[in-house]
Amino acid sequence: MAKVFRPSNRESSILSKIETTKSLARRKAIDALRDCIEPLSNAISMKLVEDKLVETTSKGALDEQIARCLEKLAGAEEFDIEYQAAPFREVTANPNIITLYIMAFVIEKLIHHKSVVDIFGSDEEIYNCINRQVNKFLPQ
């Protein structure tokens, strides 16, 4: 017979504090994103092209699309962020939600843009490329 786990008040309190802290850190990172949308989108698009992960006919159009993605992320609700990033949660053990959101955008939506020829590389390579740029502008 399986044992039913019922957390005590102390355990519930600790779990609640962990979730609150995690949620607060996410919100702070997304709020900080508003201050660096343009340079971050430029850095991400440049690095994706330099690393040959995205082949495009117009780097400016790629930059513009990523900037729109970042603006949408800055104003998105928690559910929308989670929904967009959900298919890629298993890419890394402790994913950065901003990086996951941008990666999901690149893989799922940017591939259909008229200026994007093709997207190369594995999910991990794309995640790492984007995450390096995000960490430069939004240190943890």
Protein backbone atom coordinates (compact mmCIF):
# COMPACT_ATOMS: atom_id res chain seq x y z
CA MET A 1 0.00 0.00 0.00
CA ALA A 2 1.39 3.37 -1.01
CA LYS A 3 1.98 6.01 1.59
CA VAL A 4 0.17 9.30 1.10
CA PHE A 5 2.45 12.31 1.45
CA ARG A 6 0.93 15.16 3.42
CA PRO A 7 3.36 17.97 4.04
CA SER A 8 3.35 19.52 7.49
CA ASN A 9 2.81 23.23 7.98
CA ARG A 10 6.56 23.79 8.19
CA GLU A 11 7.22 21.93 4.94
CA SER A 12 4.37 23.76 3.22
CA SER A 13 5.77 27.07 4.40
CA ILE A 14 9.24 26.27 3.09
CA LEU A 15 7.87 25.11 -0.28
CA SER A 16 5.76 28.25 -0.53
CA LYS A 17 8.77 30.47 0.18
CA ILE A 18 10.81 28.67 -2.47
CA GLU A 19 8.07 29.15 -5.07
CA THR A 20 7.61 32.81 -4.10
CA THR A 21 11.34 33.47 -4.36
CA LYS A 22 11.51 31.72 -7.72
CA SER A 23 8.53 33.68 -9.04
CA LEU A 24 9.97 36.97 -7.75
CA ALA A 25 13.32 36.31 -9.45
CA ARG A 26 11.54 35.59 -12.73
CA ARG A 27 9.51 38.77 -12.51
CA LYS A 28 12.63 40.85 -11.71
CA ALA A 29 14.45 39.37 -14.72
CA ILE A 30 11.52 40.13 -17.02
CA ASP A 31 11.25 43.66 -15.61
CA ALA A 32 14.99 44.19 -16.21
CA LEU A 33 14.49 42.99 -19.77
CA ARG A 34 12.48 46.11 -20.58
CA ASP A 35 15.61 48.26 -20.21
CA CYS A 36 17.73 46.35 -22.72
CA ILE A 37 15.42 45.08 -25.47
CA GLU A 38 17.25 46.73 -28.38
CA PRO A 39 20.85 45.80 -27.47
CA LEU A 40 19.82 42.29 -26.42
CA SER A 41 17.89 41.61 -29.63
CA ASN A 42 20.82 42.88 -31.65
CA ALA A 43 23.29 40.69 -29.75
CA ILE A 44 21.10 37.57 -30.04
CA SER A 45 20.44 37.98 -33.76
CA MET A 46 24.11 38.73 -34.44
CA LYS A 47 25.29 35.68 -32.51
CA LEU A 48 22.73 33.36 -34.13
CA VAL A 49 23.96 34.44 -37.56
CA GLU A 50 27.67 34.34 -36.58
CA ASP A 51 27.36 30.84 -35.13
CA LYS A 52 25.54 29.78 -38.32
CA LEU A 53 22.48 28.65 -36.38
CA VAL A 54 20.15 30.87 -38.41
CA GLU A 55 20.51 31.54 -42.11
CA THR A 56 18.73 34.72 -43.16
CA THR A 57 18.46 37.07 -46.10
CA SER A 58 18.17 40.11 -43.81
CA LYS A 59 19.88 40.48 -40.45
CA GLY A 60 17.80 43.60 -39.79
CA ALA A 61 14.54 41.68 -40.17
CA LEU A 62 15.85 38.99 -37.82
CA ASP A 63 16.82 41.66 -35.28
CA GLU A 64 13.37 43.25 -35.59
CA GLN A 65 11.57 39.93 -35.05
CA ILE A 66 13.60 39.13 -31.94
CA ALA A 67 12.98 42.65 -30.59
CA ARG A 68 9.23 42.07 -31.05
CA CYS A 69 9.56 38.75 -29.24
CA LEU A 70 11.31 40.48 -26.32
CA GLU A 71 8.67 43.22 -26.18
CA LYS A 72 5.95 40.58 -26.15
CA LEU A 73 7.79 38.71 -23.38
CA ALA A 74 8.13 41.89 -21.30
CA GLY A 75 4.35 42.36 -21.37
CA ALA A 76 3.27 38.72 -21.26
CA GLU A 77 1.39 37.04 -18.46
CA GLU A 78 2.91 34.12 -16.57
CA PHE A 79 0.65 31.58 -18.28
CA ASP A 80 1.64 32.75 -21.77
CA ILE A 81 5.33 32.56 -20.90
CA GLU A 82 4.98 29.05 -19.48
CA TYR A 83 2.89 27.91 -22.45
CA GLN A 84 5.46 29.12 -25.00
CA ALA A 85 8.43 27.63 -23.12
CA ALA A 86 6.80 24.33 -22.09
CA PRO A 87 7.95 22.14 -25.02
CA PHE A 88 11.60 22.99 -24.32
CA ARG A 89 11.73 22.65 -20.51
CA GLU A 90 13.93 19.57 -20.69
CA VAL A 91 16.74 21.25 -22.68
CA THR A 92 18.71 21.92 -19.51
CA ALA A 93 18.42 21.15 -15.81
CA ASN A 94 17.85 24.71 -14.58
CA PRO A 95 16.62 26.71 -17.58
CA ASN A 96 16.49 30.49 -17.79
CA ILE A 97 12.86 31.34 -18.60
CA ILE A 98 13.82 34.31 -20.79
CA THR A 99 16.18 32.15 -22.83
CA LEU A 100 13.58 29.39 -23.14
CA TYR A 101 10.95 31.84 -24.35
CA ILE A 102 13.27 33.30 -27.01
CA MET A 103 14.45 29.85 -28.05
CA ALA A 104 10.86 28.66 -28.46
CA PHE A 105 10.15 31.73 -30.57
CA VAL A 106 13.18 31.09 -32.79
CA ILE A 107 12.41 27.40 -33.30
CA GLU A 108 8.63 27.55 -33.63
CA LYS A 109 7.79 30.94 -35.13
CA LEU A 110 10.88 32.52 -36.66
CA ILE A 111 11.35 29.54 -38.99
CA HIS A 112 8.22 30.69 -40.87
CA HIS A 113 9.40 34.29 -41.36
CA LYS A 114 10.03 35.28 -44.97
CA SER A 115 13.62 36.46 -44.37
CA VAL A 116 14.70 33.26 -42.58
CA VAL A 117 16.11 30.66 -44.95
CA ASP A 118 16.69 27.90 -42.38
CA ILE A 119 17.54 27.21 -38.75
CA PHE A 120 20.38 24.82 -37.98
CA GLY A 121 21.74 23.20 -34.84
CA SER A 122 20.23 21.28 -31.97
CA ASP A 123 17.93 22.74 -29.34
CA GLU A 124 20.85 22.74 -26.88
CA GLU A 125 23.10 24.70 -29.26
CA ILE A 126 20.41 27.31 -29.86
CA TYR A 127 19.65 27.53 -26.12
CA ASN A 128 23.33 27.96 -25.21
CA CYS A 129 23.89 30.60 -27.90
CA ILE A 130 20.89 32.65 -26.74
CA ASN A 131 21.64 32.09 -23.05
CA ARG A 132 25.19 33.47 -23.35
CA GLN A 133 23.77 36.72 -24.73
CA VAL A 134 20.96 36.91 -22.16
CA ASN A 135 23.46 36.40 -19.33
CA LYS A 136 25.59 39.30 -20.62
CA PHE A 137 22.67 41.71 -20.39
CA LEU A 138 20.69 40.16 -17.52
CA PRO A 139 23.11 38.52 -15.06
CA GLN A 140 21.47 36.14 -12.62
